Every structure is written in structure tokens, then in C-alpha cells.
Amino acid sequence: MTLLKMPELALMTPRQRELAELHAASEHILELGEQGDWKQALVAQRERRQKMDAFFAQPTTEEESPLVKEVIESILELDRKVAAMLYEQRSNLMRDMGQTRSNNRKLDHYVSNS
């Protein structure tokens, strides 16, 4: 069974449901990042971490291992996208901060020569 072929929520085992919720939480974090809501993304990431800790506190059976592997790989890909957005955001902030400093120096120079 693959992530894309998982049965509807009502037909899932409790472990499959937990995996689906972990994946959905990861997609939600990505959506929040795309919206620029990093504060809520951090809250969602912390909640997801607690759910992951609870899920992996129980051993994975051999039968569910392929699905768990697939979900982990998908979550890691979503997390890579979030990280890329964060790095871009950081770069933009640093560029803007540099521009602000430059503008302040120009303003100080103008004021001192007025």
C-alpha cells in the first residue's frame, strides 16, 4: 500500500490514520510557510513533532514499514521545501536590512551636509 493508495480515513487502521495525520500536518506547515505565516508554521511544527514522537514510540511492524518509509520520505521532501523558503526569506531580510543601512547612511550624510 502506498501513501496515494491509502484507504479513506474511516477504513484506515489507527497507525495508518496517524501516518496520514503526520503527512497532513507536514503539508499544513508548507502551506503556512507559503502564506508567510512563520509563527503558525512553528506552532504546527512543534505539534507535529509531538505526534511523531508518539507515533515512533511504538515499533513499526514489518508489514507497515514500506508505508512508513514512503511517508517519511514525503515528509522530508515537504520539509526541504519549507527549509528552502526559510533560507530565501532569510536572504531577503538580510538584503533588505543591508538596503536599510545604506539608506540610513545616505540620509545621515544628507542631513549632515544640509
C-alpha atoms as a PDB file:
ATOM      1  CA  MET A   1       0.000   0.000   0.000  1.00  0.00           C
ATOM      2  CA  THR A   2       1.319   3.445  -0.885  1.00  0.00           C
ATOM      3  CA  LEU A   3       0.505   6.832   0.551  1.00  0.00           C
ATOM      4  CA  LEU A   4      -1.533   7.709  -2.523  1.00  0.00           C
ATOM      5  CA  LYS A   5      -3.465   4.454  -2.324  1.00  0.00           C
ATOM      6  CA  MET A   6      -4.308   4.558   1.365  1.00  0.00           C
ATOM      7  CA  PRO A   7      -7.964   3.794   2.097  1.00  0.00           C
ATOM      8  CA  GLU A   8     -10.342   6.505   3.179  1.00  0.00           C
ATOM      9  CA  LEU A   9      -9.880   7.721   6.741  1.00  0.00           C
ATOM     10  CA  ALA A  10     -12.750   5.612   8.090  1.00  0.00           C
ATOM     11  CA  LEU A  11     -11.206   2.436   6.660  1.00  0.00           C
ATOM     12  CA  MET A  12      -7.666   3.062   7.923  1.00  0.00           C
ATOM     13  CA  THR A  13      -6.026   1.311  10.822  1.00  0.00           C
ATOM     14  CA  PRO A  14      -5.139   3.590  13.744  1.00  0.00           C
ATOM     15  CA  ARG A  15      -1.461   3.563  12.652  1.00  0.00           C
ATOM     16  CA  GLN A  16      -2.357   4.429   9.056  1.00  0.00           C
ATOM     17  CA  ARG A  17      -4.525   7.251  10.365  1.00  0.00           C
ATOM     18  CA  GLU A  18      -1.629   8.566  12.453  1.00  0.00           C
ATOM     19  CA  LEU A  19       0.644   8.448   9.396  1.00  0.00           C
ATOM     20  CA  ALA A  20      -1.939  10.281   7.312  1.00  0.00           C
ATOM     21  CA  GLU A  21      -2.238  12.925  10.050  1.00  0.00           C
ATOM     22  CA  LEU A  22       1.551  13.338  10.177  1.00  0.00           C
ATOM     23  CA  HIS A  23       1.652  13.832   6.428  1.00  0.00           C
ATOM     24  CA  ALA A  24      -1.286  16.261   6.518  1.00  0.00           C
ATOM     25  CA  ALA A  25       0.435  18.210   9.300  1.00  0.00           C
ATOM     26  CA  SER A  26       3.557  18.481   7.138  1.00  0.00           C
ATOM     27  CA  GLU A  27       1.516  19.742   4.191  1.00  0.00           C
ATOM     28  CA  HIS A  28      -0.112  22.288   6.510  1.00  0.00           C
ATOM     29  CA  ILE A  29       3.304  23.546   7.648  1.00  0.00           C
ATOM     30  CA  LEU A  30       4.277  24.014   3.994  1.00  0.00           C
ATOM     31  CA  GLU A  31       1.041  25.895   3.288  1.00  0.00           C
ATOM     32  CA  LEU A  32       1.632  28.198   6.263  1.00  0.00           C
ATOM     33  CA  GLY A  33       5.144  28.869   5.007  1.00  0.00           C
ATOM     34  CA  GLU A  34       3.838  29.676   1.539  1.00  0.00           C
ATOM     35  CA  GLN A  35       1.461  32.158   3.172  1.00  0.00           C
ATOM     36  CA  GLY A  36       4.357  33.672   5.129  1.00  0.00           C
ATOM     37  CA  ASP A  37       2.790  32.730   8.460  1.00  0.00           C
ATOM     38  CA  TRP A  38       6.012  31.503  10.066  1.00  0.00           C
ATOM     39  CA  LYS A  39       4.732  31.920  13.604  1.00  0.00           C
ATOM     40  CA  GLN A  40       1.875  29.477  12.993  1.00  0.00           C
ATOM     41  CA  ALA A  41       4.186  27.211  10.980  1.00  0.00           C
ATOM     42  CA  LEU A  42       6.429  26.936  14.035  1.00  0.00           C
ATOM     43  CA  VAL A  43       3.455  26.094  16.259  1.00  0.00           C
ATOM     44  CA  ALA A  44       2.316  23.457  13.747  1.00  0.00           C
ATOM     45  CA  GLN A  45       5.837  22.041  13.520  1.00  0.00           C
ATOM     46  CA  ARG A  46       6.000  21.637  17.300  1.00  0.00           C
ATOM     47  CA  GLU A  47       2.630  19.887  17.328  1.00  0.00           C
ATOM     48  CA  ARG A  48       3.745  17.597  14.517  1.00  0.00           C
ATOM     49  CA  ARG A  49       6.925  16.774  16.434  1.00  0.00           C
ATOM     50  CA  GLN A  50       4.874  15.619  19.414  1.00  0.00           C
ATOM     51  CA  LYS A  51       2.734  13.434  17.143  1.00  0.00           C
ATOM     52  CA  MET A  52       5.857  11.995  15.519  1.00  0.00           C
ATOM     53  CA  ASP A  53       7.373  11.200  18.907  1.00  0.00           C
ATOM     54  CA  ALA A  54       4.179   9.405  19.924  1.00  0.00           C
ATOM     55  CA  PHE A  55       3.985   7.500  16.635  1.00  0.00           C
ATOM     56  CA  PHE A  56       7.590   6.328  16.712  1.00  0.00           C
ATOM     57  CA  ALA A  57       7.425   5.417  20.404  1.00  0.00           C
ATOM     58  CA  GLN A  58       5.742   2.251  19.166  1.00  0.00           C
ATOM     59  CA  PRO A  59       7.719  -0.153  16.985  1.00  0.00           C
ATOM     60  CA  THR A  60       6.882  -0.285  13.299  1.00  0.00           C
ATOM     61  CA  THR A  61       5.773  -3.683  12.053  1.00  0.00           C
ATOM     62  CA  GLU A  62       7.354  -5.269   9.009  1.00  0.00           C
ATOM     63  CA  GLU A  63       4.009  -5.016   7.234  1.00  0.00           C
ATOM     64  CA  GLU A  64       3.713  -1.253   7.717  1.00  0.00           C
ATOM     65  CA  SER A  65       7.403  -0.479   7.100  1.00  0.00           C
ATOM     66  CA  PRO A  66       7.048   0.312   3.367  1.00  0.00           C
ATOM     67  CA  LEU A  67       4.236   2.797   4.028  1.00  0.00           C
ATOM     68  CA  VAL A  68       6.106   4.371   6.950  1.00  0.00           C
ATOM     69  CA  LYS A  69       9.189   4.720   4.717  1.00  0.00           C
ATOM     70  CA  GLU A  70       7.146   6.360   1.979  1.00  0.00           C
ATOM     71  CA  VAL A  71       5.510   8.810   4.385  1.00  0.00           C
ATOM     72  CA  ILE A  72       8.863   9.702   5.960  1.00  0.00           C
ATOM     73  CA  GLU A  73      10.371  10.364   2.532  1.00  0.00           C
ATOM     74  CA  SER A  74       7.407  12.533   1.575  1.00  0.00           C
ATOM     75  CA  ILE A  75       7.601  14.469   4.862  1.00  0.00           C
ATOM     76  CA  LEU A  76      11.322  15.026   4.329  1.00  0.00           C
ATOM     77  CA  GLU A  77      10.618  16.404   0.847  1.00  0.00           C
ATOM     78  CA  LEU A  78       7.975  18.762   2.256  1.00  0.00           C
ATOM     79  CA  ASP A  79      10.436  19.837   4.967  1.00  0.00           C
ATOM     80  CA  ARG A  80      13.097  20.538   2.295  1.00  0.00           C
ATOM     81  CA  LYS A  81      10.633  22.863   0.581  1.00  0.00           C
ATOM     82  CA  VAL A  82       9.925  24.640   3.874  1.00  0.00           C
ATOM     83  CA  ALA A  83      13.658  24.978   4.569  1.00  0.00           C
ATOM     84  CA  ALA A  84      14.236  26.435   1.092  1.00  0.00           C
ATOM     85  CA  MET A  85      11.509  29.019   1.731  1.00  0.00           C
ATOM     86  CA  LEU A  86      13.083  29.889   5.074  1.00  0.00           C
ATOM     87  CA  TYR A  87      16.515  30.374   3.531  1.00  0.00           C
ATOM     88  CA  GLU A  88      15.003  32.566   0.826  1.00  0.00           C
ATOM     89  CA  GLN A  89      13.132  34.589   3.462  1.00  0.00           C
ATOM     90  CA  ARG A  90      16.336  34.983   5.455  1.00  0.00           C
ATOM     91  CA  SER A  91      18.251  36.132   2.368  1.00  0.00           C
ATOM     92  CA  ASN A  92      15.541  38.660   1.543  1.00  0.00           C
ATOM     93  CA  LEU A  93      15.579  40.004   5.104  1.00  0.00           C
ATOM     94  CA  MET A  94      19.351  40.324   5.078  1.00  0.00           C
ATOM     95  CA  ARG A  95      19.237  42.119   1.703  1.00  0.00           C
ATOM     96  CA  ASP A  96      16.508  44.458   2.969  1.00  0.00           C
ATOM     97  CA  MET A  97      18.464  45.110   6.151  1.00  0.00           C
ATOM     98  CA  GLY A  98      21.555  45.995   4.104  1.00  0.00           C
ATOM     99  CA  GLN A  99      19.487  48.338   1.949  1.00  0.00           C
ATOM    100  CA  THR A 100      18.037  49.998   5.054  1.00  0.00           C
ATOM    101  CA  ARG A 101      21.528  50.549   6.475  1.00  0.00           C
ATOM    102  CA  SER A 102      22.656  52.026   3.183  1.00  0.00           C
ATOM    103  CA  ASN A 103      19.638  54.326   3.113  1.00  0.00           C
ATOM    104  CA  ASN A 104      20.324  55.406   6.705  1.00  0.00           C
ATOM    105  CA  ARG A 105      23.946  56.238   5.855  1.00  0.00           C
ATOM    106  CA  LYS A 106      22.815  58.267   2.843  1.00  0.00           C
ATOM    107  CA  LEU A 107      20.245  60.080   4.961  1.00  0.00           C
ATOM    108  CA  ASP A 108      22.845  60.804   7.673  1.00  0.00           C
ATOM    109  CA  HIS A 109      25.219  62.135   5.030  1.00  0.00           C
ATOM    110  CA  TYR A 110      22.477  64.323   3.537  1.00  0.00           C
ATOM    111  CA  VAL A 111      21.420  65.667   6.939  1.00  0.00           C
ATOM    112  CA  SER A 112      24.997  66.384   7.986  1.00  0.00           C
ATOM    113  CA  ASN A 113      25.583  68.372   4.778  1.00  0.00           C
ATOM    114  CA  SER A 114      22.341  70.365   4.997  1.00  0.00           C
END
